[in-house]
Amino acid sequence: MKARVVVTLKNGVLDPQGKAIEGALKSLGVEGVESVRQGKVFDVEVAGADPAAAKAQLTAACEKLLANTVIENYKIDI
């Protein structure tokens, strides 16, 4: 079973990499960019056919390793 985990910074947490990307886009002439927030994407293949079990397994992985839950949110799509 395939899953995607998206990890992003929580609102209010400074994002210097996002600001640098925003500035670079503007300097390249990309119009209409108001702000950029960067994050991480993990594509994970999980053994088994039970989506609930896979989500529980990935939630544990996020809490332990993939996300710093103090400053990051995560979303799991199965």
N, C-alpha and C. Protein backbone atom coordinates (compact mmCIF):
# COMPACT_ATOMS: atom_id res chain seq x y z
N MET A 1 0.84 -1.16 0.00
CA MET A 1 0.00 0.00 0.00
C MET A 1 0.90 1.24 0.00
N LYS A 2 0.53 2.22 -0.81
CA LYS A 2 1.34 3.44 -0.91
C LYS A 2 0.72 4.54 -0.06
N ALA A 3 1.59 5.32 0.56
CA ALA A 3 1.14 6.44 1.39
C ALA A 3 2.07 7.63 1.13
N ARG A 4 1.55 8.80 1.36
CA ARG A 4 2.34 10.03 1.28
C ARG A 4 2.20 10.77 2.60
N VAL A 5 3.35 11.14 3.16
CA VAL A 5 3.39 11.92 4.40
C VAL A 5 3.95 13.30 4.05
N VAL A 6 3.19 14.34 4.36
CA VAL A 6 3.63 15.71 4.11
C VAL A 6 3.87 16.37 5.45
N VAL A 7 5.08 16.89 5.64
CA VAL A 7 5.46 17.54 6.89
C VAL A 7 5.71 19.02 6.59
N THR A 8 5.03 19.91 7.33
CA THR A 8 5.19 21.35 7.13
C THR A 8 5.39 22.03 8.47
N LEU A 9 6.01 23.20 8.42
CA LEU A 9 6.18 23.98 9.64
C LEU A 9 4.83 24.51 10.11
N LYS A 10 4.65 24.57 11.41
CA LYS A 10 3.43 25.14 11.98
C LYS A 10 3.39 26.63 11.69
N ASN A 11 2.16 27.18 11.64
CA ASN A 11 2.01 28.61 11.47
C ASN A 11 2.70 29.33 12.63
N GLY A 12 3.37 30.42 12.31
CA GLY A 12 4.07 31.18 13.34
C GLY A 12 5.53 30.80 13.51
N VAL A 13 5.93 29.65 12.96
CA VAL A 13 7.33 29.24 13.02
C VAL A 13 8.05 29.89 11.84
N LEU A 14 9.15 30.56 12.12
CA LEU A 14 9.91 31.21 11.06
C LEU A 14 10.43 30.18 10.07
N ASP A 15 10.43 30.56 8.79
CA ASP A 15 10.84 29.66 7.72
C ASP A 15 11.87 30.37 6.83
N PRO A 16 13.14 30.43 7.26
CA PRO A 16 14.14 31.15 6.47
C PRO A 16 14.36 30.54 5.08
N GLN A 17 14.25 29.22 4.95
CA GLN A 17 14.41 28.61 3.63
C GLN A 17 13.26 29.02 2.71
N GLY A 18 12.06 29.07 3.24
CA GLY A 18 10.91 29.52 2.46
C GLY A 18 11.08 30.96 2.01
N LYS A 19 11.60 31.81 2.90
CA LYS A 19 11.85 33.22 2.55
C LYS A 19 12.90 33.32 1.45
N ALA A 20 13.95 32.50 1.52
CA ALA A 20 14.99 32.52 0.49
C ALA A 20 14.41 32.08 -0.86
N ILE A 21 13.57 31.06 -0.85
CA ILE A 21 12.93 30.61 -2.09
C ILE A 21 12.03 31.70 -2.64
N GLU A 22 11.27 32.34 -1.77
CA GLU A 22 10.39 33.44 -2.18
C GLU A 22 11.20 34.54 -2.86
N GLY A 23 12.32 34.93 -2.25
CA GLY A 23 13.16 35.97 -2.83
C GLY A 23 13.74 35.55 -4.17
N ALA A 24 14.17 34.30 -4.28
CA ALA A 24 14.73 33.80 -5.53
C ALA A 24 13.67 33.79 -6.64
N LEU A 25 12.47 33.37 -6.32
CA LEU A 25 11.40 33.37 -7.32
C LEU A 25 11.13 34.78 -7.83
N LYS A 26 11.08 35.73 -6.91
CA LYS A 26 10.84 37.12 -7.31
C LYS A 26 11.99 37.64 -8.17
N SER A 27 13.22 37.29 -7.82
CA SER A 27 14.37 37.76 -8.61
C SER A 27 14.41 37.11 -9.99
N LEU A 28 13.78 35.96 -10.14
CA LEU A 28 13.70 35.29 -11.43
C LEU A 28 12.52 35.79 -12.26
N GLY A 29 11.76 36.73 -11.70
CA GLY A 29 10.64 37.31 -12.44
C GLY A 29 9.34 36.55 -12.33
N VAL A 30 9.25 35.62 -11.39
CA VAL A 30 7.99 34.90 -11.18
C VAL A 30 7.03 35.84 -10.47
N GLU A 31 5.94 36.17 -11.13
CA GLU A 31 4.99 37.17 -10.62
C GLU A 31 3.92 36.53 -9.74
N GLY A 32 3.41 37.29 -8.80
CA GLY A 32 2.27 36.88 -8.00
C GLY A 32 2.59 36.04 -6.78
N VAL A 33 3.85 35.79 -6.48
CA VAL A 33 4.21 34.99 -5.31
C VAL A 33 4.15 35.89 -4.08
N GLU A 34 3.24 35.57 -3.18
CA GLU A 34 3.10 36.37 -1.96
C GLU A 34 3.92 35.81 -0.81
N SER A 35 3.99 34.48 -0.69
CA SER A 35 4.81 33.87 0.34
C SER A 35 5.08 32.42 -0.01
N VAL A 36 6.15 31.88 0.56
CA VAL A 36 6.52 30.48 0.34
C VAL A 36 6.84 29.85 1.69
N ARG A 37 6.31 28.65 1.92
CA ARG A 37 6.64 27.85 3.09
C ARG A 37 7.16 26.52 2.56
N GLN A 38 8.30 26.07 3.01
CA GLN A 38 8.84 24.81 2.53
C GLN A 38 8.52 23.69 3.50
N GLY A 39 8.57 22.48 3.00
CA GLY A 39 8.29 21.32 3.83
C GLY A 39 8.99 20.09 3.28
N LYS A 40 8.54 18.93 3.75
CA LYS A 40 9.12 17.65 3.33
C LYS A 40 8.00 16.72 2.90
N VAL A 41 8.29 15.88 1.90
CA VAL A 41 7.34 14.87 1.45
C VAL A 41 8.02 13.51 1.51
N PHE A 42 7.34 12.54 2.10
CA PHE A 42 7.83 11.16 2.17
C PHE A 42 6.82 10.27 1.47
N ASP A 43 7.25 9.55 0.43
CA ASP A 43 6.42 8.53 -0.20
C ASP A 43 6.85 7.19 0.39
N VAL A 44 5.89 6.52 1.03
CA VAL A 44 6.20 5.31 1.79
C VAL A 44 5.33 4.16 1.28
N GLU A 45 5.93 3.00 1.10
CA GLU A 45 5.17 1.79 0.80
C GLU A 45 5.08 0.97 2.08
N VAL A 46 3.85 0.64 2.46
CA VAL A 46 3.59 -0.08 3.71
C VAL A 46 3.03 -1.45 3.36
N ALA A 47 3.56 -2.50 4.01
CA ALA A 47 3.06 -3.86 3.78
C ALA A 47 1.66 -4.00 4.37
N GLY A 48 0.84 -4.81 3.74
CA GLY A 48 -0.50 -5.08 4.26
C GLY A 48 -1.55 -4.36 3.45
N ALA A 49 -2.81 -4.64 3.80
CA ALA A 49 -3.94 -4.08 3.06
C ALA A 49 -4.90 -3.30 3.94
N ASP A 50 -4.56 -3.10 5.21
CA ASP A 50 -5.44 -2.41 6.14
C ASP A 50 -5.03 -0.94 6.25
N PRO A 51 -5.83 -0.03 5.65
CA PRO A 51 -5.47 1.39 5.70
C PRO A 51 -5.39 1.95 7.11
N ALA A 52 -6.23 1.50 8.01
CA ALA A 52 -6.20 2.00 9.39
C ALA A 52 -4.91 1.60 10.09
N ALA A 53 -4.47 0.37 9.86
CA ALA A 53 -3.21 -0.10 10.47
C ALA A 53 -2.03 0.66 9.88
N ALA A 54 -2.07 0.90 8.57
CA ALA A 54 -0.99 1.64 7.92
C ALA A 54 -0.92 3.07 8.45
N LYS A 55 -2.08 3.69 8.62
CA LYS A 55 -2.10 5.06 9.14
C LYS A 55 -1.56 5.11 10.57
N ALA A 56 -1.92 4.13 11.39
CA ALA A 56 -1.41 4.07 12.76
C ALA A 56 0.10 3.89 12.77
N GLN A 57 0.59 3.04 11.88
CA GLN A 57 2.03 2.79 11.78
C GLN A 57 2.76 4.06 11.35
N LEU A 58 2.22 4.77 10.37
CA LEU A 58 2.85 6.00 9.89
C LEU A 58 2.74 7.14 10.90
N THR A 59 1.65 7.17 11.65
CA THR A 59 1.52 8.17 12.71
C THR A 59 2.63 7.98 13.73
N ALA A 60 2.88 6.74 14.10
CA ALA A 60 3.98 6.45 15.05
C ALA A 60 5.32 6.87 14.46
N ALA A 61 5.52 6.62 13.16
CA ALA A 61 6.77 7.01 12.50
C ALA A 61 6.94 8.53 12.50
N CYS A 62 5.85 9.24 12.28
CA CYS A 62 5.91 10.71 12.29
C CYS A 62 6.22 11.23 13.69
N GLU A 63 5.58 10.67 14.68
CA GLU A 63 5.78 11.12 16.06
C GLU A 63 7.21 10.83 16.55
N LYS A 64 7.79 9.75 16.05
CA LYS A 64 9.12 9.35 16.52
C LYS A 64 10.27 9.91 15.68
N LEU A 65 10.05 10.09 14.36
CA LEU A 65 11.19 10.41 13.50
C LEU A 65 10.90 11.44 12.41
N LEU A 66 9.84 11.26 11.65
CA LEU A 66 9.67 12.05 10.44
C LEU A 66 9.35 13.52 10.69
N ALA A 67 8.71 13.83 11.80
CA ALA A 67 8.33 15.21 12.09
C ALA A 67 8.77 15.61 13.49
N ASN A 68 9.19 16.85 13.62
CA ASN A 68 9.45 17.43 14.94
C ASN A 68 8.13 18.08 15.35
N THR A 69 7.33 17.37 16.13
CA THR A 69 5.96 17.81 16.42
C THR A 69 5.88 19.09 17.25
N VAL A 70 6.99 19.57 17.76
CA VAL A 70 6.99 20.85 18.47
C VAL A 70 6.80 21.99 17.47
N ILE A 71 7.43 21.86 16.29
CA ILE A 71 7.38 22.96 15.31
C ILE A 71 6.78 22.55 13.97
N GLU A 72 6.45 21.26 13.79
CA GLU A 72 5.94 20.80 12.50
C GLU A 72 4.61 20.06 12.63
N ASN A 73 3.79 20.20 11.59
CA ASN A 73 2.57 19.41 11.44
C ASN A 73 2.85 18.34 10.39
N TYR A 74 2.04 17.29 10.42
CA TYR A 74 2.15 16.28 9.37
C TYR A 74 0.77 15.83 8.94
N LYS A 75 0.69 15.37 7.69
CA LYS A 75 -0.55 14.87 7.12
C LYS A 75 -0.25 13.57 6.40
N ILE A 76 -1.06 12.56 6.63
CA ILE A 76 -0.85 11.25 6.03
C ILE A 76 -1.98 10.95 5.07
N ASP A 77 -1.64 10.65 3.82
CA ASP A 77 -2.61 10.24 2.81
C ASP A 77 -2.29 8.81 2.37
N ILE A 78 -3.26 7.93 2.51
CA ILE A 78 -3.09 6.52 2.12
C ILE A 78 -3.60 6.35 0.70
